[in-house]
């Protein structure tokens, strides 16, 4: 089963605020899904986001 993260965990990994991650999710810059009212992010979505960000800097 793939690893699933909360916005808080992703924010900690990226050294940004939790609000930034939630904004990325709302603006569909990062793929996620809701369980009730809580966002969750699959590991693949997180890695895809990082790849997308690093390739846009080149």
N, C-alpha and C. Protein backbone atom coordinates (compact mmCIF):
# COMPACT_ATOMS: atom_id res chain seq x y z
N UNK A 1 0.84 -1.18 0.00
CA UNK A 1 0.00 0.00 0.00
C UNK A 1 0.89 1.25 0.00
N UNK A 2 0.56 2.23 -0.84
CA UNK A 2 1.40 3.44 -0.90
C UNK A 2 1.29 4.25 0.39
N UNK A 3 2.35 4.97 0.67
CA UNK A 3 2.37 5.86 1.83
C UNK A 3 1.41 7.02 1.58
N UNK A 4 0.68 7.43 2.61
CA UNK A 4 -0.25 8.55 2.51
C UNK A 4 0.11 9.54 3.60
N UNK A 5 0.17 10.82 3.22
CA UNK A 5 0.59 11.88 4.13
C UNK A 5 -0.53 12.88 4.39
N UNK A 6 -0.41 13.58 5.49
CA UNK A 6 -1.29 14.71 5.80
C UNK A 6 -0.61 15.98 5.31
N UNK A 7 -1.37 17.07 5.15
CA UNK A 7 -0.74 18.34 4.78
C UNK A 7 0.33 18.77 5.79
N UNK A 8 0.12 18.46 7.05
CA UNK A 8 1.11 18.81 8.08
C UNK A 8 2.44 18.10 7.83
N UNK A 9 2.38 16.84 7.48
CA UNK A 9 3.60 16.06 7.23
C UNK A 9 4.33 16.57 5.99
N UNK A 10 3.58 16.90 4.94
CA UNK A 10 4.19 17.42 3.72
C UNK A 10 4.82 18.78 3.99
N UNK A 11 4.11 19.63 4.74
CA UNK A 11 4.64 20.96 5.08
C UNK A 11 5.96 20.84 5.83
N UNK A 12 6.03 19.90 6.74
CA UNK A 12 7.27 19.69 7.50
C UNK A 12 8.40 19.26 6.58
N UNK A 13 8.11 18.36 5.66
CA UNK A 13 9.15 17.87 4.73
C UNK A 13 9.66 18.99 3.82
N UNK A 14 8.75 19.87 3.37
CA UNK A 14 9.13 20.93 2.45
C UNK A 14 9.55 22.22 3.16
N UNK A 15 9.42 22.24 4.48
CA UNK A 15 9.77 23.43 5.27
C UNK A 15 8.95 24.64 4.85
N UNK A 16 7.64 24.42 4.67
CA UNK A 16 6.70 25.49 4.38
C UNK A 16 5.54 25.36 5.36
N UNK A 17 4.64 26.33 5.34
CA UNK A 17 3.51 26.27 6.26
C UNK A 17 2.45 25.28 5.77
N UNK A 18 1.67 24.81 6.70
CA UNK A 18 0.56 23.91 6.37
C UNK A 18 -0.44 24.63 5.45
N UNK A 19 -0.63 25.93 5.66
CA UNK A 19 -1.54 26.70 4.83
C UNK A 19 -1.08 26.72 3.37
N UNK A 20 0.22 26.76 3.15
CA UNK A 20 0.76 26.72 1.78
C UNK A 20 0.38 25.41 1.11
N UNK A 21 0.53 24.30 1.81
CA UNK A 21 0.18 22.99 1.24
C UNK A 21 -1.31 22.93 0.95
N UNK A 22 -2.13 23.42 1.87
CA UNK A 22 -3.58 23.42 1.64
C UNK A 22 -3.95 24.27 0.42
N UNK A 23 -3.24 25.40 0.24
CA UNK A 23 -3.49 26.24 -0.93
C UNK A 23 -3.11 25.50 -2.21
N UNK A 24 -1.96 24.81 -2.20
CA UNK A 24 -1.55 24.01 -3.36
C UNK A 24 -2.61 22.97 -3.70
N UNK A 25 -3.19 22.35 -2.68
CA UNK A 25 -4.23 21.35 -2.90
C UNK A 25 -5.49 21.98 -3.50
N UNK A 26 -5.92 23.11 -2.94
CA UNK A 26 -7.12 23.81 -3.45
C UNK A 26 -6.92 24.28 -4.88
N UNK A 27 -5.72 24.79 -5.19
CA UNK A 27 -5.42 25.30 -6.53
C UNK A 27 -5.00 24.19 -7.49
N UNK A 28 -5.01 22.96 -7.02
CA UNK A 28 -4.66 21.76 -7.79
C UNK A 28 -3.23 21.79 -8.31
N UNK A 29 -2.35 22.46 -7.58
CA UNK A 29 -0.92 22.42 -7.88
C UNK A 29 -0.31 21.13 -7.35
N UNK A 30 -0.96 20.57 -6.33
CA UNK A 30 -0.58 19.29 -5.75
C UNK A 30 -1.84 18.44 -5.72
N UNK A 31 -1.69 17.17 -6.11
CA UNK A 31 -2.85 16.29 -6.13
C UNK A 31 -3.09 15.69 -4.75
N UNK A 32 -4.34 15.72 -4.33
CA UNK A 32 -4.70 15.15 -3.04
C UNK A 32 -6.15 14.70 -3.07
N UNK A 33 -6.59 14.16 -1.96
CA UNK A 33 -7.98 13.75 -1.84
C UNK A 33 -8.43 13.98 -0.41
N UNK A 34 -9.73 14.06 -0.25
CA UNK A 34 -10.28 14.32 1.08
C UNK A 34 -10.86 13.05 1.68
N UNK A 35 -10.62 12.90 2.97
CA UNK A 35 -11.26 11.87 3.79
C UNK A 35 -12.06 12.67 4.81
N UNK A 36 -13.37 12.73 4.60
CA UNK A 36 -14.18 13.63 5.42
C UNK A 36 -13.80 15.06 5.07
N UNK A 37 -13.36 15.81 6.06
CA UNK A 37 -12.91 17.19 5.83
C UNK A 37 -11.40 17.32 5.79
N UNK A 38 -10.69 16.21 5.86
CA UNK A 38 -9.23 16.24 5.95
C UNK A 38 -8.57 15.85 4.64
N UNK A 39 -7.57 16.63 4.24
CA UNK A 39 -6.81 16.33 3.03
C UNK A 39 -5.81 15.22 3.30
N UNK A 40 -5.56 14.41 2.27
CA UNK A 40 -4.52 13.39 2.28
C UNK A 40 -3.79 13.44 0.94
N UNK A 41 -2.49 13.13 0.97
CA UNK A 41 -1.65 13.19 -0.24
C UNK A 41 -0.91 11.86 -0.37
N UNK A 42 -1.05 11.22 -1.52
CA UNK A 42 -0.32 9.99 -1.76
C UNK A 42 1.15 10.32 -2.01
N UNK A 43 2.02 9.39 -1.66
CA UNK A 43 3.46 9.59 -1.84
C UNK A 43 3.80 9.91 -3.29
N UNK A 44 3.18 9.21 -4.24
CA UNK A 44 3.45 9.45 -5.67
C UNK A 44 3.08 10.89 -6.05
N UNK A 45 1.96 11.39 -5.54
CA UNK A 45 1.56 12.77 -5.82
C UNK A 45 2.58 13.76 -5.27
N UNK A 46 3.09 13.48 -4.08
CA UNK A 46 4.10 14.33 -3.46
C UNK A 46 5.38 14.32 -4.30
N UNK A 47 5.82 13.14 -4.72
CA UNK A 47 7.04 13.04 -5.53
C UNK A 47 6.85 13.69 -6.90
N UNK A 48 5.67 13.53 -7.49
CA UNK A 48 5.37 14.19 -8.76
C UNK A 48 5.43 15.71 -8.61
N UNK A 49 4.91 16.22 -7.51
CA UNK A 49 4.94 17.65 -7.25
C UNK A 49 6.38 18.14 -7.16
N UNK A 50 7.22 17.42 -6.46
CA UNK A 50 8.63 17.80 -6.32
C UNK A 50 9.32 17.79 -7.69
N UNK A 51 9.08 16.75 -8.48
CA UNK A 51 9.65 16.68 -9.82
C UNK A 51 9.20 17.85 -10.67
N UNK A 52 7.92 18.16 -10.60
CA UNK A 52 7.36 19.28 -11.37
C UNK A 52 8.00 20.60 -10.96
N UNK A 53 8.17 20.80 -9.67
CA UNK A 53 8.77 22.04 -9.18
C UNK A 53 10.24 22.15 -9.57
N UNK A 54 10.97 21.04 -9.48
CA UNK A 54 12.40 21.10 -9.80
C UNK A 54 12.63 21.24 -11.30
N UNK A 55 11.75 20.69 -12.13
CA UNK A 55 11.94 20.82 -13.57
C UNK A 55 11.48 22.19 -14.07
N UNK A 56 10.60 22.89 -13.34
CA UNK A 56 10.18 24.22 -13.75
C UNK A 56 11.24 25.26 -13.42
N UNK A 57 12.19 24.91 -12.57
CA UNK A 57 13.28 25.83 -12.18
C UNK A 57 14.42 25.82 -13.19
N UNK A 58 14.42 24.84 -14.09
CA UNK A 58 15.54 24.73 -15.04
C UNK A 58 15.42 25.68 -16.19
